[in-house]
Amino acid sequence: MSIEGWIIFAVFWVVFVTTPGPNAVNCITNGMTLGFRRSVPGILAILTQATLFLILSAAGVTALIAASPTLFFAAKLIGAGFLIYLGVRGWLLARTLPKVSAQSGQSIYLRAFAIATINPKSVAGYLAAFSQFVQPDVPVWDQMWLIMPTALTITALSYSGYTALGAGIGRAALGAVFNVWVRRVMAVCFVIYGVLLGASSTPGRT
């Protein structure tokens, strides 16, 4: 992955993980009710889920590349379409505050892991996002040394920030983060990325 490709990936991942959703609501709520330090297990749970899904996405992309370049290209187009879908869905739901329903399990970690896993952006979202930036002519696992630390660092910073917001300014954080226009800007970013990446056969490559 080139420096330019890495920057494109990093900017995309910022949009991908900072878009308000159930994880953000849960982090803000934990921060409000428990304080930052006691909410850390919830952040670790999201990072656990992210690690697992990145590995699963890499394995899926590897299988597609091995099976057929045509299948990989088709997957990229489907992935781009899914990103556009997330954007349109985000725009339509911009006025609806995501809710976190009670989950089984008593610990903060298990509840946060469950919320992260059932997030609409989870499996399909990770695969769609991940497949856009992988170079099919380079072994996927050789690219993970850069992709995974980047994705996990941005993810950690994002949800640590949401938790800190909740701990620092309480319920006002929900209003600030879930402002309709903030969410619509994020939604437009998804659509733009989906269109641009889908129109390019070699996004993020040298």
N, C-alpha and C. Protein backbone atom coordinates (compact mmCIF):
# COMPACT_ATOMS: atom_id res chain seq x y z
N MET A 1 0.85 -1.19 0.00
CA MET A 1 0.00 0.00 0.00
C MET A 1 0.88 1.24 0.00
N SER A 2 0.62 2.15 -0.94
CA SER A 2 1.40 3.38 -1.03
C SER A 2 1.00 4.34 0.09
N ILE A 3 1.80 5.40 0.25
CA ILE A 3 1.47 6.42 1.24
C ILE A 3 0.13 7.06 0.92
N GLU A 4 -0.08 7.32 -0.36
CA GLU A 4 -1.36 7.90 -0.78
C GLU A 4 -2.52 6.97 -0.47
N GLY A 5 -2.31 5.66 -0.75
CA GLY A 5 -3.34 4.68 -0.46
C GLY A 5 -3.62 4.59 1.02
N TRP A 6 -2.55 4.67 1.83
CA TRP A 6 -2.72 4.60 3.29
C TRP A 6 -3.51 5.79 3.79
N ILE A 7 -3.23 6.98 3.26
CA ILE A 7 -3.95 8.19 3.68
C ILE A 7 -5.42 8.07 3.34
N ILE A 8 -5.71 7.57 2.11
CA ILE A 8 -7.11 7.39 1.70
C ILE A 8 -7.81 6.41 2.63
N PHE A 9 -7.12 5.30 2.95
CA PHE A 9 -7.70 4.31 3.85
C PHE A 9 -7.94 4.90 5.23
N ALA A 10 -6.95 5.63 5.75
CA ALA A 10 -7.06 6.20 7.09
C ALA A 10 -8.22 7.19 7.18
N VAL A 11 -8.35 8.05 6.16
CA VAL A 11 -9.45 9.02 6.15
C VAL A 11 -10.79 8.30 6.08
N PHE A 12 -10.84 7.27 5.21
CA PHE A 12 -12.08 6.50 5.12
C PHE A 12 -12.43 5.86 6.46
N TRP A 13 -11.43 5.28 7.12
CA TRP A 13 -11.71 4.58 8.38
C TRP A 13 -12.17 5.55 9.47
N VAL A 14 -11.66 6.78 9.43
CA VAL A 14 -12.14 7.80 10.36
C VAL A 14 -13.64 7.99 10.18
N VAL A 15 -14.07 8.14 8.92
CA VAL A 15 -15.50 8.30 8.64
C VAL A 15 -16.27 7.05 9.05
N PHE A 16 -15.69 5.88 8.74
CA PHE A 16 -16.37 4.60 8.98
C PHE A 16 -16.66 4.38 10.47
N VAL A 17 -15.68 4.67 11.34
CA VAL A 17 -15.87 4.35 12.76
C VAL A 17 -16.37 5.51 13.60
N THR A 18 -16.35 6.74 13.05
CA THR A 18 -16.85 7.86 13.84
C THR A 18 -18.30 8.20 13.50
N THR A 19 -18.85 7.59 12.45
CA THR A 19 -20.26 7.83 12.13
C THR A 19 -21.12 7.39 13.31
N PRO A 20 -21.94 8.28 13.85
CA PRO A 20 -22.74 7.93 15.03
C PRO A 20 -23.62 6.71 14.82
N GLY A 21 -23.63 5.83 15.78
CA GLY A 21 -24.42 4.61 15.72
C GLY A 21 -24.52 3.98 17.10
N PRO A 22 -24.96 2.73 17.19
CA PRO A 22 -25.14 2.07 18.49
C PRO A 22 -23.87 2.04 19.34
N ASN A 23 -22.71 1.83 18.73
CA ASN A 23 -21.47 1.82 19.51
C ASN A 23 -21.23 3.17 20.17
N ALA A 24 -21.45 4.24 19.42
CA ALA A 24 -21.24 5.58 19.97
C ALA A 24 -22.22 5.86 21.11
N VAL A 25 -23.48 5.49 20.91
CA VAL A 25 -24.48 5.68 21.97
C VAL A 25 -24.08 4.93 23.23
N ASN A 26 -23.64 3.68 23.06
CA ASN A 26 -23.26 2.88 24.21
C ASN A 26 -22.06 3.49 24.94
N CYS A 27 -21.07 3.96 24.17
CA CYS A 27 -19.88 4.56 24.79
C CYS A 27 -20.24 5.83 25.55
N ILE A 28 -21.07 6.69 24.93
CA ILE A 28 -21.47 7.92 25.60
C ILE A 28 -22.26 7.60 26.87
N THR A 29 -23.17 6.64 26.76
CA THR A 29 -23.99 6.26 27.92
C THR A 29 -23.12 5.69 29.04
N ASN A 30 -22.16 4.83 28.68
CA ASN A 30 -21.24 4.30 29.69
C ASN A 30 -20.47 5.42 30.37
N GLY A 31 -19.97 6.36 29.56
CA GLY A 31 -19.23 7.48 30.13
C GLY A 31 -20.08 8.31 31.08
N MET A 32 -21.35 8.53 30.70
CA MET A 32 -22.26 9.32 31.53
C MET A 32 -22.54 8.64 32.86
N THR A 33 -22.76 7.33 32.83
CA THR A 33 -23.21 6.62 34.03
C THR A 33 -22.09 6.01 34.86
N LEU A 34 -20.96 5.71 34.22
CA LEU A 34 -19.89 4.99 34.92
C LEU A 34 -18.60 5.79 35.06
N GLY A 35 -18.45 6.84 34.25
CA GLY A 35 -17.17 7.53 34.21
C GLY A 35 -16.25 6.85 33.21
N PHE A 36 -15.18 7.56 32.83
CA PHE A 36 -14.32 7.05 31.77
C PHE A 36 -13.60 5.77 32.17
N ARG A 37 -12.97 5.75 33.33
CA ARG A 37 -12.13 4.61 33.72
C ARG A 37 -12.92 3.32 33.78
N ARG A 38 -14.11 3.35 34.36
CA ARG A 38 -14.92 2.13 34.48
C ARG A 38 -15.55 1.72 33.15
N SER A 39 -15.51 2.62 32.16
CA SER A 39 -16.09 2.32 30.85
C SER A 39 -15.08 1.73 29.88
N VAL A 40 -13.80 1.67 30.28
CA VAL A 40 -12.75 1.16 29.39
C VAL A 40 -13.03 -0.25 28.86
N PRO A 41 -13.58 -1.18 29.67
CA PRO A 41 -13.89 -2.51 29.12
C PRO A 41 -14.80 -2.45 27.90
N GLY A 42 -15.69 -1.47 27.84
CA GLY A 42 -16.56 -1.33 26.67
C GLY A 42 -15.77 -0.98 25.42
N ILE A 43 -14.76 -0.12 25.58
CA ILE A 43 -13.90 0.23 24.45
C ILE A 43 -13.10 -0.98 24.01
N LEU A 44 -12.58 -1.74 24.98
CA LEU A 44 -11.80 -2.95 24.66
C LEU A 44 -12.66 -3.98 23.92
N ALA A 45 -13.94 -4.04 24.27
CA ALA A 45 -14.85 -4.98 23.59
C ALA A 45 -15.00 -4.60 22.12
N ILE A 46 -15.13 -3.31 21.84
CA ILE A 46 -15.25 -2.86 20.45
C ILE A 46 -13.98 -3.17 19.68
N LEU A 47 -12.82 -3.00 20.33
CA LEU A 47 -11.55 -3.31 19.68
C LEU A 47 -11.41 -4.81 19.42
N THR A 48 -11.92 -5.63 20.34
CA THR A 48 -11.92 -7.08 20.13
C THR A 48 -12.75 -7.44 18.90
N GLN A 49 -13.95 -6.87 18.84
CA GLN A 49 -14.82 -7.12 17.68
C GLN A 49 -14.16 -6.64 16.40
N ALA A 50 -13.54 -5.47 16.44
CA ALA A 50 -12.89 -4.93 15.24
C ALA A 50 -11.75 -5.82 14.78
N THR A 51 -10.97 -6.32 15.72
CA THR A 51 -9.86 -7.22 15.37
C THR A 51 -10.37 -8.49 14.70
N LEU A 52 -11.39 -9.08 15.28
CA LEU A 52 -11.96 -10.31 14.73
C LEU A 52 -12.52 -10.07 13.33
N PHE A 53 -13.23 -8.97 13.15
CA PHE A 53 -13.86 -8.71 11.87
C PHE A 53 -12.84 -8.32 10.80
N LEU A 54 -11.77 -7.66 11.20
CA LEU A 54 -10.70 -7.36 10.24
C LEU A 54 -10.05 -8.65 9.75
N ILE A 55 -9.81 -9.57 10.68
CA ILE A 55 -9.20 -10.85 10.30
C ILE A 55 -10.15 -11.64 9.40
N LEU A 56 -11.44 -11.67 9.75
CA LEU A 56 -12.42 -12.36 8.92
C LEU A 56 -12.53 -11.73 7.54
N SER A 57 -12.48 -10.39 7.49
CA SER A 57 -12.54 -9.70 6.21
C SER A 57 -11.33 -10.02 5.35
N ALA A 58 -10.15 -10.04 5.97
CA ALA A 58 -8.92 -10.37 5.25
C ALA A 58 -8.99 -11.79 4.70
N ALA A 59 -9.51 -12.72 5.51
CA ALA A 59 -9.65 -14.10 5.05
C ALA A 59 -10.62 -14.19 3.89
N GLY A 60 -11.73 -13.44 3.98
CA GLY A 60 -12.72 -13.46 2.90
C GLY A 60 -12.17 -12.88 1.61
N VAL A 61 -11.43 -11.77 1.72
CA VAL A 61 -10.83 -11.16 0.54
C VAL A 61 -9.79 -12.09 -0.07
N THR A 62 -9.00 -12.73 0.79
CA THR A 62 -8.00 -13.69 0.30
C THR A 62 -8.66 -14.81 -0.49
N ALA A 63 -9.77 -15.32 0.02
CA ALA A 63 -10.48 -16.40 -0.66
C ALA A 63 -11.02 -15.94 -2.01
N LEU A 64 -11.53 -14.72 -2.07
CA LEU A 64 -12.05 -14.19 -3.33
C LEU A 64 -10.94 -14.02 -4.37
N ILE A 65 -9.80 -13.50 -3.93
CA ILE A 65 -8.68 -13.31 -4.86
C ILE A 65 -8.21 -14.65 -5.39
N ALA A 66 -8.13 -15.65 -4.49
CA ALA A 66 -7.67 -16.98 -4.90
C ALA A 66 -8.67 -17.64 -5.84
N ALA A 67 -9.95 -17.37 -5.64
CA ALA A 67 -10.99 -18.02 -6.46
C ALA A 67 -11.03 -17.44 -7.87
N SER A 68 -11.04 -16.10 -7.95
CA SER A 68 -11.17 -15.48 -9.27
C SER A 68 -11.02 -13.97 -9.18
N PRO A 69 -10.22 -13.38 -10.04
CA PRO A 69 -10.14 -11.91 -10.10
C PRO A 69 -11.50 -11.29 -10.39
N THR A 70 -12.30 -11.98 -11.18
CA THR A 70 -13.62 -11.47 -11.51
C THR A 70 -14.51 -11.41 -10.27
N LEU A 71 -14.45 -12.46 -9.45
CA LEU A 71 -15.23 -12.47 -8.21
C LEU A 71 -14.77 -11.35 -7.27
N PHE A 72 -13.46 -11.13 -7.22
CA PHE A 72 -12.94 -10.08 -6.35
C PHE A 72 -13.45 -8.71 -6.83
N PHE A 73 -13.41 -8.49 -8.15
CA PHE A 73 -13.88 -7.22 -8.68
C PHE A 73 -15.38 -7.05 -8.42
N ALA A 74 -16.14 -8.15 -8.57
CA ALA A 74 -17.57 -8.09 -8.29
C ALA A 74 -17.82 -7.75 -6.82
N ALA A 75 -17.00 -8.34 -5.94
CA ALA A 75 -17.13 -8.07 -4.51
C ALA A 75 -16.85 -6.60 -4.21
N LYS A 76 -15.87 -6.02 -4.95
CA LYS A 76 -15.55 -4.61 -4.76
C LYS A 76 -16.73 -3.73 -5.15
N LEU A 77 -17.39 -4.10 -6.25
CA LEU A 77 -18.55 -3.32 -6.69
C LEU A 77 -19.70 -3.45 -5.70
N ILE A 78 -19.92 -4.67 -5.22
CA ILE A 78 -20.96 -4.89 -4.22
C ILE A 78 -20.63 -4.12 -2.95
N GLY A 79 -19.37 -4.15 -2.57
CA GLY A 79 -18.93 -3.42 -1.38
C GLY A 79 -19.16 -1.93 -1.53
N ALA A 80 -18.82 -1.39 -2.69
CA ALA A 80 -19.04 0.04 -2.95
C ALA A 80 -20.54 0.35 -2.86
N GLY A 81 -21.36 -0.54 -3.41
CA GLY A 81 -22.80 -0.35 -3.33
C GLY A 81 -23.30 -0.37 -1.89
N PHE A 82 -22.70 -1.23 -1.06
CA PHE A 82 -23.10 -1.30 0.34
C PHE A 82 -22.74 -0.02 1.07
N LEU A 83 -21.59 0.56 0.73
CA LEU A 83 -21.19 1.83 1.35
C LEU A 83 -22.17 2.94 0.98
N ILE A 84 -22.61 2.93 -0.29
CA ILE A 84 -23.61 3.91 -0.72
C ILE A 84 -24.91 3.69 0.05
N TYR A 85 -25.28 2.40 0.23
CA TYR A 85 -26.49 2.08 1.00
C TYR A 85 -26.39 2.61 2.42
N LEU A 86 -25.21 2.44 3.06
CA LEU A 86 -25.03 2.96 4.42
C LEU A 86 -25.22 4.47 4.45
N GLY A 87 -24.71 5.14 3.40
CA GLY A 87 -24.85 6.58 3.33
C GLY A 87 -26.30 7.01 3.19
N VAL A 88 -27.02 6.38 2.27
CA VAL A 88 -28.43 6.72 2.06
C VAL A 88 -29.24 6.42 3.33
N ARG A 89 -28.95 5.27 3.92
CA ARG A 89 -29.65 4.88 5.16
C ARG A 89 -29.36 5.89 6.27
N GLY A 90 -28.10 6.31 6.37
CA GLY A 90 -27.74 7.29 7.39
C GLY A 90 -28.44 8.62 7.21
N TRP A 91 -28.59 9.05 5.94
CA TRP A 91 -29.29 10.31 5.65
C TRP A 91 -30.76 10.20 6.06
N LEU A 92 -31.40 9.09 5.68
CA LEU A 92 -32.82 8.92 5.98
C LEU A 92 -33.09 8.81 7.47
N LEU A 93 -32.12 8.25 8.22
CA LEU A 93 -32.30 8.05 9.67
C LEU A 93 -31.62 9.14 10.49
N ALA A 94 -31.22 10.23 9.84
CA ALA A 94 -30.46 11.27 10.54
C ALA A 94 -31.22 11.87 11.71
N ARG A 95 -32.54 11.87 11.64
CA ARG A 95 -33.35 12.44 12.72
C ARG A 95 -33.71 11.42 13.79
N THR A 96 -33.29 10.18 13.58
CA THR A 96 -33.63 9.12 14.54
C THR A 96 -32.41 8.78 15.37
N LEU A 97 -32.50 8.96 16.67
CA LEU A 97 -31.38 8.64 17.56
C LEU A 97 -31.28 7.14 17.72
N PRO A 98 -30.12 6.54 17.41
CA PRO A 98 -29.95 5.10 17.60
C PRO A 98 -30.16 4.73 19.07
N LYS A 99 -30.80 3.62 19.29
CA LYS A 99 -31.05 3.17 20.65
C LYS A 99 -30.29 1.88 20.91
N VAL A 100 -29.81 1.75 22.12
CA VAL A 100 -29.12 0.54 22.52
C VAL A 100 -30.04 -0.22 23.46
N SER A 101 -30.57 -1.34 22.99
CA SER A 101 -31.46 -2.13 23.82
C SER A 101 -30.65 -2.98 24.78
N ALA A 102 -31.32 -3.44 25.83
CA ALA A 102 -30.63 -4.26 26.82
C ALA A 102 -30.18 -5.56 26.17
N GLN A 103 -28.95 -5.95 26.47
CA GLN A 103 -28.39 -7.17 25.90
C GLN A 103 -28.17 -8.18 27.01
N SER A 104 -28.11 -9.46 26.62
CA SER A 104 -27.83 -10.49 27.61
C SER A 104 -26.40 -10.35 28.09
N GLY A 105 -26.15 -10.77 29.31
CA GLY A 105 -24.81 -10.64 29.88
C GLY A 105 -24.75 -9.42 30.78
N GLN A 106 -24.08 -9.55 31.93
CA GLN A 106 -24.08 -8.49 32.91
C GLN A 106 -22.89 -7.55 32.78
N SER A 107 -21.82 -7.99 32.21
CA SER A 107 -20.61 -7.17 32.19
C SER A 107 -20.67 -6.12 31.10
N ILE A 108 -19.96 -5.04 31.32
CA ILE A 108 -19.86 -3.97 30.33
C ILE A 108 -19.22 -4.50 29.06
N TYR A 109 -18.22 -5.35 29.21
CA TYR A 109 -17.50 -5.89 28.06
C TYR A 109 -18.41 -6.71 27.15
N LEU A 110 -19.16 -7.64 27.73
CA LEU A 110 -20.02 -8.51 26.93
C LEU A 110 -21.13 -7.72 26.25
N ARG A 111 -21.68 -6.75 26.98
CA ARG A 111 -22.76 -5.95 26.40
C ARG A 111 -22.23 -5.13 25.22
N ALA A 112 -21.06 -4.51 25.40
CA ALA A 112 -20.48 -3.71 24.32
C ALA A 112 -20.10 -4.58 23.13
N PHE A 113 -19.59 -5.78 23.40
CA PHE A 113 -19.22 -6.69 22.31
C PHE A 113 -20.46 -7.10 21.52
N ALA A 114 -21.55 -7.38 22.23
CA ALA A 114 -22.80 -7.77 21.55
C ALA A 114 -23.32 -6.63 20.69
N ILE A 115 -23.29 -5.42 21.22
CA ILE A 115 -23.78 -4.26 20.47
C ILE A 115 -22.94 -4.04 19.23
N ALA A 116 -21.61 -4.16 19.37
CA ALA A 116 -20.71 -3.96 18.22
C ALA A 116 -20.94 -5.03 17.16
N THR A 117 -21.22 -6.25 17.59
CA THR A 117 -21.36 -7.36 16.65
C THR A 117 -22.65 -7.29 15.85
N ILE A 118 -23.74 -6.82 16.47
CA ILE A 118 -25.03 -6.74 15.77
C ILE A 118 -25.21 -5.41 15.05
N ASN A 119 -24.20 -4.55 15.13
CA ASN A 119 -24.22 -3.27 14.42
C ASN A 119 -24.43 -3.53 12.91
N PRO A 120 -25.33 -2.80 12.25
CA PRO A 120 -25.55 -3.01 10.81
C PRO A 120 -24.28 -2.89 9.97
N LYS A 121 -23.28 -2.17 10.47
CA LYS A 121 -22.04 -2.00 9.70
C LYS A 121 -21.08 -3.16 9.89
N SER A 122 -21.42 -4.14 10.72
CA SER A 122 -20.45 -5.14 11.15
C SER A 122 -19.84 -5.97 10.02
N VAL A 123 -20.35 -7.19 9.81
CA VAL A 123 -19.69 -8.11 8.88
C VAL A 123 -19.64 -7.53 7.47
N ALA A 124 -20.80 -7.19 6.93
CA ALA A 124 -20.84 -6.69 5.55
C ALA A 124 -20.09 -5.37 5.43
N GLY A 125 -20.23 -4.52 6.43
CA GLY A 125 -19.57 -3.22 6.39
C GLY A 125 -18.07 -3.34 6.40
N TYR A 126 -17.53 -4.19 7.26
CA TYR A 126 -16.09 -4.37 7.32
C TYR A 126 -15.56 -4.96 6.01
N LEU A 127 -16.23 -5.96 5.49
CA LEU A 127 -15.78 -6.58 4.24
C LEU A 127 -15.85 -5.58 3.09
N ALA A 128 -16.95 -4.80 3.06
CA ALA A 128 -17.10 -3.81 2.00
C ALA A 128 -16.00 -2.76 2.06
N ALA A 129 -15.74 -2.26 3.27
CA ALA A 129 -14.72 -1.23 3.43
C ALA A 129 -13.33 -1.79 3.16
N PHE A 130 -13.07 -2.96 3.71
CA PHE A 130 -11.74 -3.56 3.62
C PHE A 130 -11.38 -3.91 2.19
N SER A 131 -12.33 -4.45 1.45
CA SER A 131 -12.05 -4.93 0.10
C SER A 131 -11.69 -3.79 -0.86
N GLN A 132 -12.09 -2.57 -0.53
CA GLN A 132 -11.83 -1.45 -1.43
C GLN A 132 -10.34 -1.07 -1.47
N PHE A 133 -9.59 -1.42 -0.41
CA PHE A 133 -8.23 -0.92 -0.29
C PHE A 133 -7.16 -2.00 -0.41
N VAL A 134 -7.56 -3.22 -0.60
CA VAL A 134 -6.59 -4.32 -0.70
C VAL A 134 -6.05 -4.41 -2.12
N GLN A 135 -4.73 -4.58 -2.24
CA GLN A 135 -4.11 -4.79 -3.54
C GLN A 135 -4.13 -6.29 -3.85
N PRO A 136 -4.88 -6.72 -4.87
CA PRO A 136 -5.00 -8.16 -5.15
C PRO A 136 -3.70 -8.79 -5.63
N ASP A 137 -2.75 -7.97 -6.09
CA ASP A 137 -1.48 -8.52 -6.57
C ASP A 137 -0.43 -8.63 -5.47
N VAL A 138 -0.82 -8.28 -4.24
CA VAL A 138 0.06 -8.40 -3.08
C VAL A 138 -0.66 -9.25 -2.05
N PRO A 139 0.00 -10.26 -1.45
CA PRO A 139 -0.66 -11.08 -0.44
C PRO A 139 -1.36 -10.23 0.63
N VAL A 140 -2.62 -10.54 0.89
CA VAL A 140 -3.41 -9.74 1.82
C VAL A 140 -2.75 -9.66 3.18
N TRP A 141 -2.24 -10.80 3.66
CA TRP A 141 -1.67 -10.81 5.01
C TRP A 141 -0.40 -9.98 5.10
N ASP A 142 0.26 -9.74 3.96
CA ASP A 142 1.43 -8.85 3.96
C ASP A 142 1.01 -7.39 4.10
N GLN A 143 -0.24 -7.10 3.77
CA GLN A 143 -0.75 -5.74 3.88
C GLN A 143 -1.35 -5.44 5.26
N MET A 144 -1.62 -6.51 6.02
CA MET A 144 -2.27 -6.34 7.31
C MET A 144 -1.41 -5.62 8.34
N TRP A 145 -0.09 -5.69 8.20
CA TRP A 145 0.78 -5.04 9.18
C TRP A 145 0.57 -3.54 9.21
N LEU A 146 0.06 -2.97 8.12
CA LEU A 146 -0.23 -1.54 8.07
C LEU A 146 -1.71 -1.26 8.27
N ILE A 147 -2.54 -2.08 7.65
CA ILE A 147 -3.99 -1.85 7.71
C ILE A 147 -4.54 -2.03 9.13
N MET A 148 -4.18 -3.12 9.79
CA MET A 148 -4.77 -3.42 11.09
C MET A 148 -4.39 -2.40 12.17
N PRO A 149 -3.10 -2.07 12.34
CA PRO A 149 -2.77 -1.05 13.36
C PRO A 149 -3.45 0.29 13.09
N THR A 150 -3.53 0.65 11.81
CA THR A 150 -4.19 1.91 11.47
C THR A 150 -5.66 1.88 11.86
N ALA A 151 -6.35 0.82 11.46
CA ALA A 151 -7.78 0.70 11.75
C ALA A 151 -8.04 0.64 13.24
N LEU A 152 -7.26 -0.14 13.97
CA LEU A 152 -7.50 -0.30 15.41
C LEU A 152 -7.16 0.97 16.19
N THR A 153 -6.12 1.68 15.77
CA THR A 153 -5.77 2.93 16.45
C THR A 153 -6.87 3.96 16.28
N ILE A 154 -7.36 4.11 15.05
CA ILE A 154 -8.44 5.07 14.79
C ILE A 154 -9.71 4.66 15.54
N THR A 155 -10.00 3.36 15.55
CA THR A 155 -11.18 2.86 16.27
C THR A 155 -11.07 3.17 17.75
N ALA A 156 -9.90 2.91 18.34
CA ALA A 156 -9.69 3.17 19.77
C ALA A 156 -9.86 4.65 20.09
N LEU A 157 -9.28 5.51 19.26
CA LEU A 157 -9.39 6.95 19.49
C LEU A 157 -10.83 7.43 19.37
N SER A 158 -11.54 6.89 18.38
CA SER A 158 -12.93 7.30 18.16
C SER A 158 -13.81 6.98 19.36
N TYR A 159 -13.79 5.73 19.81
CA TYR A 159 -14.70 5.35 20.88
C TYR A 159 -14.22 5.78 22.25
N SER A 160 -12.92 6.01 22.39
CA SER A 160 -12.42 6.64 23.62
C SER A 160 -12.94 8.07 23.68
N GLY A 161 -12.97 8.73 22.51
CA GLY A 161 -13.49 10.09 22.45
C GLY A 161 -14.96 10.16 22.81
N TYR A 162 -15.75 9.22 22.27
CA TYR A 162 -17.17 9.19 22.61
C TYR A 162 -17.38 8.95 24.11
N THR A 163 -16.60 8.05 24.68
CA THR A 163 -16.72 7.76 26.10
C THR A 163 -16.34 8.98 26.93
N ALA A 164 -15.27 9.65 26.52
CA ALA A 164 -14.84 10.85 27.24
C ALA A 164 -15.89 11.96 27.15
N LEU A 165 -16.53 12.07 25.98
CA LEU A 165 -17.61 13.05 25.83
C LEU A 165 -18.73 12.79 26.83
N GLY A 166 -19.12 11.51 26.91
CA GLY A 166 -20.17 11.16 27.84
C GLY A 166 -19.78 11.45 29.28
N ALA A 167 -18.55 11.13 29.62
CA ALA A 167 -18.07 11.36 30.99
C ALA A 167 -17.93 12.85 31.29
N GLY A 168 -17.57 13.63 30.24
CA GLY A 168 -17.28 15.04 30.47
C GLY A 168 -18.49 15.96 30.44
N ILE A 169 -19.36 15.75 29.46
CA ILE A 169 -20.48 16.69 29.33
C ILE A 169 -21.84 16.02 29.39
N GLY A 170 -21.87 14.75 29.74
CA GLY A 170 -23.13 14.06 30.00
C GLY A 170 -24.07 14.04 28.83
N ARG A 171 -25.35 14.27 29.09
CA ARG A 171 -26.38 14.15 28.05
C ARG A 171 -26.20 15.15 26.92
N ALA A 172 -25.51 16.25 27.18
CA ALA A 172 -25.28 17.23 26.12
C ALA A 172 -24.46 16.61 24.99
N ALA A 173 -23.66 15.58 25.31
CA ALA A 173 -22.84 14.92 24.29
C ALA A 173 -23.71 14.27 23.22
N LEU A 174 -24.84 13.69 23.63
CA LEU A 174 -25.73 13.05 22.66
C LEU A 174 -26.26 14.06 21.66
N GLY A 175 -26.66 15.22 22.15
CA GLY A 175 -27.16 16.25 21.25
C GLY A 175 -26.11 16.76 20.30
N ALA A 176 -24.87 16.90 20.80
CA ALA A 176 -23.78 17.42 19.97
C ALA A 176 -23.38 16.42 18.90
N VAL A 177 -23.24 15.15 19.29
CA VAL A 177 -22.75 14.12 18.38
C VAL A 177 -23.83 13.72 17.37
N PHE A 178 -25.09 13.69 17.81
CA PHE A 178 -26.15 13.21 16.94
C PHE A 178 -26.96 14.35 16.32
N ASN A 179 -26.33 15.49 16.18
CA ASN A 179 -26.92 16.58 15.43
C ASN A 179 -27.27 16.09 14.02
N VAL A 180 -28.46 16.46 13.54
CA VAL A 180 -28.94 15.96 12.25
C VAL A 180 -27.95 16.24 11.14
N TRP A 181 -27.41 17.46 11.09
CA TRP A 181 -26.53 17.82 9.98
C TRP A 181 -25.17 17.15 10.09
N VAL A 182 -24.71 16.90 11.31
CA VAL A 182 -23.47 16.14 11.48
C VAL A 182 -23.63 14.75 10.90
N ARG A 183 -24.76 14.12 11.21
CA ARG A 183 -25.02 12.77 10.72
C ARG A 183 -25.22 12.76 9.20
N ARG A 184 -25.82 13.81 8.66
CA ARG A 184 -26.02 13.86 7.21
C ARG A 184 -24.70 14.07 6.47
N VAL A 185 -23.81 14.85 7.04
CA VAL A 185 -22.48 15.02 6.43
C VAL A 185 -21.76 13.67 6.37
N MET A 186 -21.82 12.92 7.48
CA MET A 186 -21.21 11.59 7.52
C MET A 186 -21.84 10.69 6.46
N ALA A 187 -23.17 10.77 6.32
CA ALA A 187 -23.87 9.95 5.34
C ALA A 187 -23.41 10.28 3.92
N VAL A 188 -23.26 11.56 3.63
CA VAL A 188 -22.80 11.97 2.30
C VAL A 188 -21.39 11.45 2.04
N CYS A 189 -20.56 11.44 3.08
CA CYS A 189 -19.19 10.92 2.93
C CYS A 189 -19.22 9.46 2.50
N PHE A 190 -20.12 8.67 3.07
CA PHE A 190 -20.25 7.27 2.68
C PHE A 190 -20.62 7.15 1.20
N VAL A 191 -21.58 7.96 0.78
CA VAL A 191 -22.03 7.90 -0.62
C VAL A 191 -20.89 8.29 -1.56
N ILE A 192 -20.18 9.36 -1.21
CA ILE A 192 -19.07 9.82 -2.06
C ILE A 192 -18.00 8.75 -2.16
N TYR A 193 -17.62 8.17 -1.01
CA TYR A 193 -16.62 7.11 -1.02
C TYR A 193 -17.08 5.92 -1.84
N GLY A 194 -18.34 5.53 -1.67
CA GLY A 194 -18.85 4.38 -2.41
C GLY A 194 -18.80 4.61 -3.91
N VAL A 195 -19.19 5.81 -4.35
CA VAL A 195 -19.18 6.12 -5.78
C VAL A 195 -17.76 6.16 -6.32
N LEU A 196 -16.87 6.87 -5.63
CA LEU A 196 -15.49 7.00 -6.10
C LEU A 196 -14.75 5.67 -6.12
N LEU A 197 -14.91 4.90 -5.05
CA LEU A 197 -14.22 3.62 -4.97
C LEU A 197 -14.80 2.62 -5.97
N GLY A 198 -16.11 2.65 -6.14
CA GLY A 198 -16.73 1.74 -7.10
C GLY A 198 -16.35 2.07 -8.54
N ALA A 199 -16.10 3.36 -8.82
CA ALA A 199 -15.75 3.77 -10.18
C ALA A 199 -14.29 3.50 -10.50
N SER A 200 -13.48 3.26 -9.47
CA SER A 200 -12.06 3.02 -9.68
C SER A 200 -11.76 1.54 -9.50
N SER A 201 -11.02 0.96 -10.43
CA SER A 201 -10.69 -0.46 -10.34
C SER A 201 -9.49 -0.70 -9.45
N THR A 202 -8.75 0.38 -9.13
CA THR A 202 -7.54 0.19 -8.34
C THR A 202 -7.41 1.25 -7.25
N PRO A 203 -8.41 1.42 -6.36
CA PRO A 203 -8.31 2.44 -5.35
C PRO A 203 -7.22 2.11 -4.35
N GLY A 204 -6.47 3.13 -3.96
CA GLY A 204 -5.48 2.96 -2.91
C GLY A 204 -4.29 2.14 -3.30
N ARG A 205 -4.00 1.96 -4.59
CA ARG A 205 -2.86 1.13 -5.01
C ARG A 205 -1.77 1.97 -5.59
N THR A 206 -0.59 1.37 -5.65
CA THR A 206 0.52 2.02 -6.29
C THR A 206 0.39 1.84 -7.79
